[in-house]
C-alpha atoms as a PDB file:
ATOM      1  CA  PHE A   1      -0.236   0.045  -0.182  1.00  0.00           C
ATOM      2  CA  LYS A   2       2.782   2.384   0.691  1.00  0.00           C
ATOM      3  CA  THR A   3       4.515   1.764  -2.288  1.00  0.00           C
ATOM      4  CA  ILE A   4       1.336   2.356  -4.615  1.00  0.00           C
ATOM      5  CA  ASN A   5       0.593   5.254  -2.754  1.00  0.00           C
ATOM      6  CA  GLN A   6       3.778   6.886  -3.518  1.00  0.00           C
ATOM      7  CA  THR A   7       4.270   6.030  -6.888  1.00  0.00           C
ATOM      8  CA  ASP A   8       4.058   8.605  -9.485  1.00  0.00           C
ATOM      9  CA  ILE A   9       2.133   7.014 -12.317  1.00  0.00           C
ATOM     10  CA  THR A  10       3.371   9.899 -14.654  1.00  0.00           C
ATOM     11  CA  ALA A  11       6.531   9.122 -13.763  1.00  0.00           C
ATOM     12  CA  LEU A  12       6.534   5.821 -14.307  1.00  0.00           C
ATOM     13  CA  GLU A  13       5.354   6.184 -17.705  1.00  0.00           C
ATOM     14  CA  ASN A  14       7.954   8.060 -18.546  1.00  0.00           C
ATOM     15  CA  MET A  15      10.688   5.733 -17.161  1.00  0.00           C
ATOM     16  CA  ARG A  16      13.804   4.480 -19.847  1.00  0.00           C
ATOM     17  CA  GLU A  17      12.889   0.745 -20.589  1.00  0.00           C
ATOM     18  CA  ASP A  18      16.440   0.026 -18.374  1.00  0.00           C
ATOM     19  CA  GLU A  19      14.784   2.615 -15.180  1.00  0.00           C
ATOM     20  CA  LEU A  20      11.981   0.232 -15.005  1.00  0.00           C
ATOM     21  CA  ARG A  21      13.935  -3.527 -15.100  1.00  0.00           C
ATOM     22  CA  THR A  22      15.971  -2.047 -11.990  1.00  0.00           C
ATOM     23  CA  GLU A  23      12.745  -1.078 -10.457  1.00  0.00           C
ATOM     24  CA  ILE A  24      11.213  -4.912 -10.718  1.00  0.00           C
ATOM     25  CA  SER A  25      14.502  -6.212  -9.714  1.00  0.00           C
ATOM     26  CA  ASN A  26      14.213  -4.253  -6.911  1.00  0.00           C
ATOM     27  CA  PHE A  27      10.686  -5.639  -6.039  1.00  0.00           C
ATOM     28  CA  LYS A  28      11.784  -9.444  -6.763  1.00  0.00           C
ATOM     29  CA  GLN A  29      14.742  -8.956  -4.915  1.00  0.00           C
ATOM     30  CA  LYS A  30      12.486  -7.722  -1.736  1.00  0.00           C
ATOM     31  CA  ILE A  31      10.183 -10.715  -2.668  1.00  0.00           C
ATOM     32  CA  ALA A  32      13.101 -13.342  -2.369  1.00  0.00           C
ATOM     33  CA  GLU A  33      14.617 -11.891   0.852  1.00  0.00           C
ATOM     34  CA  ILE A  34      10.696 -12.067   2.271  1.00  0.00           C
ATOM     35  CA  SER A  35      10.297 -15.854   1.308  1.00  0.00           C
ATOM     36  CA  GLY A  36      14.349 -16.582   2.797  1.00  0.00           C
ATOM     37  CA  GLN A  37      12.467 -15.013   5.980  1.00  0.00           C
ATOM     38  CA  LEU A  38       9.801 -17.648   5.484  1.00  0.00           C
ATOM     39  CA  ASP A  39      11.942 -20.399   5.396  1.00  0.00           C
ATOM     40  CA  GLU A  40      13.731 -19.603   8.138  1.00  0.00           C
ATOM     41  CA  THR A  41      11.671 -19.016  10.442  1.00  0.00           C
ATOM     42  CA  ASN A  42      10.062 -22.644   9.550  1.00  0.00           C
ATOM     43  CA  ALA A  43      13.061 -24.106  10.005  1.00  0.00           C
ATOM     44  CA  LYS A  44      13.383 -22.874  13.351  1.00  0.00           C
ATOM     45  CA  ILE A  45      10.110 -24.598  14.116  1.00  0.00           C
ATOM     46  CA  SER A  46      11.435 -27.751  12.948  1.00  0.00           C
ATOM     47  CA  GLU A  47      14.762 -27.120  15.205  1.00  0.00           C
ATOM     48  CA  TYR A  48      12.382 -26.716  18.225  1.00  0.00           C
ATOM     49  CA  GLN A  49      10.012 -29.503  17.524  1.00  0.00           C
ATOM     50  CA  GLU A  50      13.067 -31.824  17.303  1.00  0.00           C
ATOM     51  CA  ALA A  51      14.557 -29.908  20.607  1.00  0.00           C
ATOM     52  CA  ILE A  52      11.552 -30.614  22.536  1.00  0.00           C
ATOM     53  CA  ALA A  53      12.892 -34.452  23.395  1.00  0.00           C
ATOM     54  CA  SER A  54      16.027 -33.369  24.922  1.00  0.00           C
ATOM     55  CA  ASN A  55      16.365 -30.401  27.948  1.00  0.00           C
ATOM     56  CA  GLU A  56      19.744 -29.599  27.238  1.00  0.00           C
ATOM     57  CA  GLN A  57      18.996 -28.697  23.434  1.00  0.00           C
ATOM     58  CA  ALA A  58      16.225 -27.122  24.303  1.00  0.00           C
ATOM     59  CA  SER A  59      18.153 -25.032  26.724  1.00  0.00           C
ATOM     60  CA  ASP A  60      20.724 -23.826  23.986  1.00  0.00           C
ATOM     61  CA  LEU A  61      17.545 -23.074  21.621  1.00  0.00           C
ATOM     62  CA  LEU A  62      15.966 -20.697  24.132  1.00  0.00           C
ATOM     63  CA  VAL A  63      19.741 -18.777  25.168  1.00  0.00           C
ATOM     64  CA  GLN A  64      20.433 -18.716  21.030  1.00  0.00           C
ATOM     65  CA  GLU A  65      16.561 -16.968  21.236  1.00  0.00           C
ATOM     66  CA  LEU A  66      17.260 -14.697  23.735  1.00  0.00           C
ATOM     67  CA  ASP A  67      20.663 -13.619  22.433  1.00  0.00           C
ATOM     68  CA  GLN A  68      18.316 -12.866  19.427  1.00  0.00           C
ATOM     69  CA  GLN A  69      15.853 -11.277  20.949  1.00  0.00           C
ATOM     70  CA  ASN A  70      18.024  -9.062  22.634  1.00  0.00           C
ATOM     71  CA  ASN A  71      19.864  -7.902  19.353  1.00  0.00           C
ATOM     72  CA  ILE A  72      16.460  -7.364  17.559  1.00  0.00           C
ATOM     73  CA  ILE A  73      15.140  -4.911  20.667  1.00  0.00           C
ATOM     74  CA  GLY A  74      18.510  -2.973  20.742  1.00  0.00           C
ATOM     75  CA  LYS A  75      20.276  -4.605  24.188  1.00  0.00           C
ATOM     76  CA  ASN A  76      22.941  -5.684  22.676  1.00  0.00           C
ATOM     77  CA  ALA A  77      25.957  -4.016  20.287  1.00  0.00           C
ATOM     78  CA  VAL A  78      25.985  -5.110  17.144  1.00  0.00           C
ATOM     79  CA  LYS A  79      27.835  -4.750  13.843  1.00  0.00           C
ATOM     80  CA  GLY A  80      27.210  -5.450  10.043  1.00  0.00           C
ATOM     81  CA  SER A  81      27.087  -4.086   6.320  1.00  0.00           C
ATOM     82  CA  GLY A  82      24.352  -1.404   5.635  1.00  0.00           C
ATOM     83  CA  VAL A  83      24.692   1.977   4.643  1.00  0.00           C
ATOM     84  CA  VAL A  84      25.252   5.190   6.716  1.00  0.00           C
ATOM     85  CA  ILE A  85      23.404   8.616   5.859  1.00  0.00           C
ATOM     86  CA  THR A  86      24.779  12.011   6.583  1.00  0.00           C
ATOM     87  CA  LEU A  87      21.781  14.674   6.780  1.00  0.00           C
ATOM     88  CA  THR A  88      23.349  18.952   7.356  1.00  0.00           C
ATOM     89  CA  ASP A  89      21.404  21.935   8.481  1.00  0.00           C
ATOM     90  CA  THR A  90      21.974  24.425   5.766  1.00  0.00           C
ATOM     91  CA  ARG A  91      21.579  28.209   6.182  1.00  0.00           C
ATOM     92  CA  ALA A  92      17.977  27.296   3.709  1.00  0.00           C
ATOM     93  CA  GLN A  93      16.710  24.823   5.330  1.00  0.00           C
ATOM     94  CA  LYS A  94      17.282  22.702   8.978  1.00  0.00           C
ATOM     95  CA  ILE A  95      16.713  19.095   9.591  1.00  0.00           C
ATOM     96  CA  THR A  96      13.429  18.372  11.661  1.00  0.00           C
ATOM     97  CA  ALA A  97      11.843  15.791  13.784  1.00  0.00           C
ATOM     98  CA  GLU A  98       9.710  14.527  11.230  1.00  0.00           C
ATOM     99  CA  ASP A  99      12.616  14.383   8.329  1.00  0.00           C
ATOM    100  CA  LEU A 100      14.246  11.722  10.400  1.00  0.00           C
ATOM    101  CA  ARG A 101      11.346  10.485  11.864  1.00  0.00           C
ATOM    102  CA  GLU A 102      10.389   9.012   7.951  1.00  0.00           C
ATOM    103  CA  LEU A 103      13.996   8.076   7.386  1.00  0.00           C
ATOM    104  CA  VAL A 104      13.843   5.562  10.258  1.00  0.00           C
ATOM    105  CA  ASN A 105      10.709   4.276   9.044  1.00  0.00           C
ATOM    106  CA  GLU A 106      11.642   3.723   5.701  1.00  0.00           C
ATOM    107  CA  LEU A 107      14.795   1.868   6.765  1.00  0.00           C
ATOM    108  CA  LYS A 108      12.997  -0.436   8.567  1.00  0.00           C
ATOM    109  CA  ILE A 109      10.210  -1.227   6.523  1.00  0.00           C
ATOM    110  CA  ASP A 110      13.415  -1.661   3.308  1.00  0.00           C
ATOM    111  CA  GLY A 111      14.778  -4.532   6.487  1.00  0.00           C
ATOM    112  CA  ALA A 112      17.078  -2.297   8.034  1.00  0.00           C
ATOM    113  CA  GLU A 113      17.748  -4.775  11.828  1.00  0.00           C
ATOM    114  CA  ALA A 114      19.421  -1.862  13.607  1.00  0.00           C
ATOM    115  CA  ILE A 115      19.465   1.893  13.509  1.00  0.00           C
ATOM    116  CA  SER A 116      21.243   4.500  14.961  1.00  0.00           C
ATOM    117  CA  ILE A 117      21.436   8.485  14.846  1.00  0.00           C
ATOM    118  CA  ASN A 118      24.529   9.980  16.564  1.00  0.00           C
ATOM    119  CA  ASP A 119      25.602   6.840  17.930  1.00  0.00           C
ATOM    120  CA  ASN A 120      22.110   6.595  19.830  1.00  0.00           C
ATOM    121  CA  ARG A 121      20.188   3.372  19.202  1.00  0.00           C
ATOM    122  CA  ILE A 122      17.022   3.667  17.848  1.00  0.00           C
ATOM    123  CA  ILE A 123      14.509   1.182  19.420  1.00  0.00           C
ATOM    124  CA  ASN A 124      10.662   0.706  19.137  1.00  0.00           C
ATOM    125  CA  LEU A 125       9.982   2.763  22.080  1.00  0.00           C
ATOM    126  CA  ALA A 126      11.929   6.126  20.939  1.00  0.00           C
ATOM    127  CA  ASP A 127      10.374   9.116  20.552  1.00  0.00           C
ATOM    128  CA  ILE A 128      12.017  11.928  18.290  1.00  0.00           C
ATOM    129  CA  VAL A 129      10.706  14.904  18.631  1.00  0.00           C
ATOM    130  CA  THR A 130      11.283  19.185  17.647  1.00  0.00           C
ATOM    131  CA  LEU A 131      12.584  21.884  20.467  1.00  0.00           C
ATOM    132  CA  ASN A 132      11.243  25.119  20.451  1.00  0.00           C
ATOM    133  CA  ASP A 133      15.365  26.079  19.983  1.00  0.00           C
ATOM    134  CA  GLY A 134      16.020  23.499  17.070  1.00  0.00           C
ATOM    135  CA  LEU A 135      17.252  21.115  18.860  1.00  0.00           C
ATOM    136  CA  ILE A 136      15.433  17.317  18.230  1.00  0.00           C
ATOM    137  CA  ILE A 137      15.175  15.514  21.344  1.00  0.00           C
ATOM    138  CA  LEU A 138      15.238  11.758  21.445  1.00  0.00           C
ATOM    139  CA  TYR A 139      14.203   9.219  24.140  1.00  0.00           C
ATOM    140  CA  GLY A 140      12.748  11.927  26.191  1.00  0.00           C
ATOM    141  CA  ASN A 141      16.560  13.343  27.719  1.00  0.00           C
ATOM    142  CA  VAL A 142      19.193  12.744  24.513  1.00  0.00           C
ATOM    143  CA  ARG A 143      19.712  16.035  22.951  1.00  0.00           C
ATOM    144  CA  LEU A 144      20.577  15.524  19.117  1.00  0.00           C
ATOM    145  CA  THR A 145      22.481  18.187  16.962  1.00  0.00           C
ATOM    146  CA  SER A 146      22.983  18.621  13.356  1.00  0.00           C
ATOM    147  CA  PRO A 147      24.779  16.820  11.411  1.00  0.00           C
ATOM    148  CA  TYR A 148      22.759  13.954  12.381  1.00  0.00           C
ATOM    149  CA  VAL A 149      24.157  10.605  10.943  1.00  0.00           C
ATOM    150  CA  VAL A 150      22.033   7.664  10.645  1.00  0.00           C
ATOM    151  CA  LYS A 151      23.727   4.192  10.410  1.00  0.00           C
ATOM    152  CA  ALA A 152      21.394   1.411   9.424  1.00  0.00           C
ATOM    153  CA  ILE A 153      22.515  -2.153   9.445  1.00  0.00           C
ATOM    154  CA  GLY A 154      21.196  -4.298   6.587  1.00  0.00           C
ATOM    155  CA  ASP A 155      21.479  -4.978   2.978  1.00  0.00           C
ATOM    156  CA  PRO A 156      23.389  -2.328   1.434  1.00  0.00           C
ATOM    157  CA  THR A 157      22.523  -3.276  -1.865  1.00  0.00           C
ATOM    158  CA  TYR A 158      18.854  -3.379  -1.310  1.00  0.00           C
ATOM    159  CA  LEU A 159      18.719  -0.023   1.278  1.00  0.00           C
ATOM    160  CA  MET A 160      20.719   2.313  -0.694  1.00  0.00           C
ATOM    161  CA  SER A 161      18.269   1.276  -4.168  1.00  0.00           C
ATOM    162  CA  THR A 162      15.573   1.963  -2.676  1.00  0.00           C
ATOM    163  CA  LEU A 163      16.603   4.978  -0.614  1.00  0.00           C
ATOM    164  CA  SER A 164      17.689   6.131  -4.249  1.00  0.00           C
ATOM    165  CA  ILE A 165      14.793   5.675  -6.688  1.00  0.00           C
ATOM    166  CA  LYS A 166      14.668   8.306  -9.117  1.00  0.00           C
ATOM    167  CA  ASN A 167      12.388  11.181  -7.672  1.00  0.00           C
ATOM    168  CA  SER A 168      10.172   9.340  -5.003  1.00  0.00           C
ATOM    169  CA  GLY A 169      13.052   8.213  -2.793  1.00  0.00           C
ATOM    170  CA  TYR A 170      13.985   9.826   0.490  1.00  0.00           C
ATOM    171  CA  ILE A 171      17.532  10.939  -1.345  1.00  0.00           C
ATOM    172  CA  ASP A 172      15.204  12.674  -3.833  1.00  0.00           C
ATOM    173  CA  GLN A 173      12.997  14.054  -1.804  1.00  0.00           C
ATOM    174  CA  MET A 174      15.411  15.647   0.553  1.00  0.00           C
ATOM    175  CA  LYS A 175      17.360  16.933  -2.191  1.00  0.00           C
ATOM    176  CA  ALA A 176      14.295  18.396  -3.488  1.00  0.00           C
ATOM    177  CA  ASN A 177      13.269  20.151  -0.842  1.00  0.00           C
ATOM    178  CA  GLY A 178      16.821  21.989  -0.210  1.00  0.00           C
ATOM    179  CA  MET A 179      18.122  19.145   2.319  1.00  0.00           C
ATOM    180  CA  SER A 180      21.876  18.445   2.299  1.00  0.00           C
ATOM    181  CA  ILE A 181      22.313  14.497   2.487  1.00  0.00           C
ATOM    182  CA  GLU A 182      24.635  12.291   2.191  1.00  0.00           C
ATOM    183  CA  VAL A 183      24.886   8.457   1.733  1.00  0.00           C
ATOM    184  CA  GLU A 184      27.497   5.735   1.094  1.00  0.00           C
ATOM    185  CA  GLN A 185      27.537   1.914   2.062  1.00  0.00           C
ATOM    186  CA  ASP A 186      29.644   0.981   4.834  1.00  0.00           C
ATOM    187  CA  ASN A 187      30.699  -3.318   5.802  1.00  0.00           C
ATOM    188  CA  ASN A 188      31.405  -2.572   9.042  1.00  0.00           C
ATOM    189  CA  ILE A 189      29.398  -0.733  10.441  1.00  0.00           C
ATOM    190  CA  GLU A 190      29.014  -0.923  14.425  1.00  0.00           C
ATOM    191  CA  ILE A 191      25.855   0.113  16.627  1.00  0.00           C
ATOM    192  CA  GLY A 192      25.940   0.119  20.294  1.00  0.00           C
ATOM    193  CA  ALA A 193      23.474  -1.411  22.690  1.00  0.00           C
ATOM    194  CA  TYR A 194      20.509   0.631  23.890  1.00  0.00           C
ATOM    195  CA  THR A 195      21.693   1.847  27.688  1.00  0.00           C
ATOM    196  CA  GLY A 196      18.334   3.402  28.533  1.00  0.00           C
ATOM    197  CA  GLU A 197      15.070   1.585  30.398  1.00  0.00           C
ATOM    198  CA  LEU A 198      12.911  -0.466  28.497  1.00  0.00           C
ATOM    199  CA  ASN A 199       9.482   0.229  29.720  1.00  0.00           C
ATOM    200  CA  ASN A 200       5.963  -0.114  28.123  1.00  0.00           C
ATOM    201  CA  ARG A 201       3.785   3.610  28.983  1.00  0.00           C
ATOM    202  CA  TYR A 202       1.036   2.294  27.709  1.00  0.00           C
ATOM    203  CA  LEU A 203       0.845  -2.071  27.131  1.00  0.00           C
ATOM    204  CA  LYS A 204      -0.609  -3.982  30.590  1.00  0.00           C
ATOM    205  CA  GLU A 205      -0.441  -7.312  30.890  1.00  0.00           C
ATOM    206  CA  VAL A 206      -3.788  -9.055  30.739  1.00  0.00           C
ATOM    207  CA  GLU A 207      -4.328 -10.875  34.370  1.00  0.00           C
END
């Protein structure tokens, strides 16, 4: 729905054949990645079923699962390949919290497994808002200033291709609005662990 909603039909009609082939290739790659994730999930289910008969094996699997979940929610420091996006204020335009939220959401949709802004780990409970003095606040007590260096661990080729989609991609949209943005691939990105508390403000367990 997001892809269709943001698609410029006129731009698609005017695209050259090689550009359309590139777009189709990107979508096929995403489908292949999702299919791979499904296969991995099915394989994990089979492992759990086989390990039920052995407490030791089940314990090892639970430890591995816990470590994986800590990676996902941000409690472990992680490293890997991905992209680094640098957004910088200019005299004409300043980066806003909405610009950063849009980028974070786009990276998540495109499969980024870990994200940080100015070396602050982004988790699902993160709040990114603009203050009156132009600073951006994160988690309620961390203030961010330009330049904003956003690191994302994931498939670097896919992340770069989706951010670089002609006209409708994040990079072109930011440049069209007069923003300063630089994007590069990096095979050795390190993102630290989230060091704050993980408290649900609204979620409660059903009794």
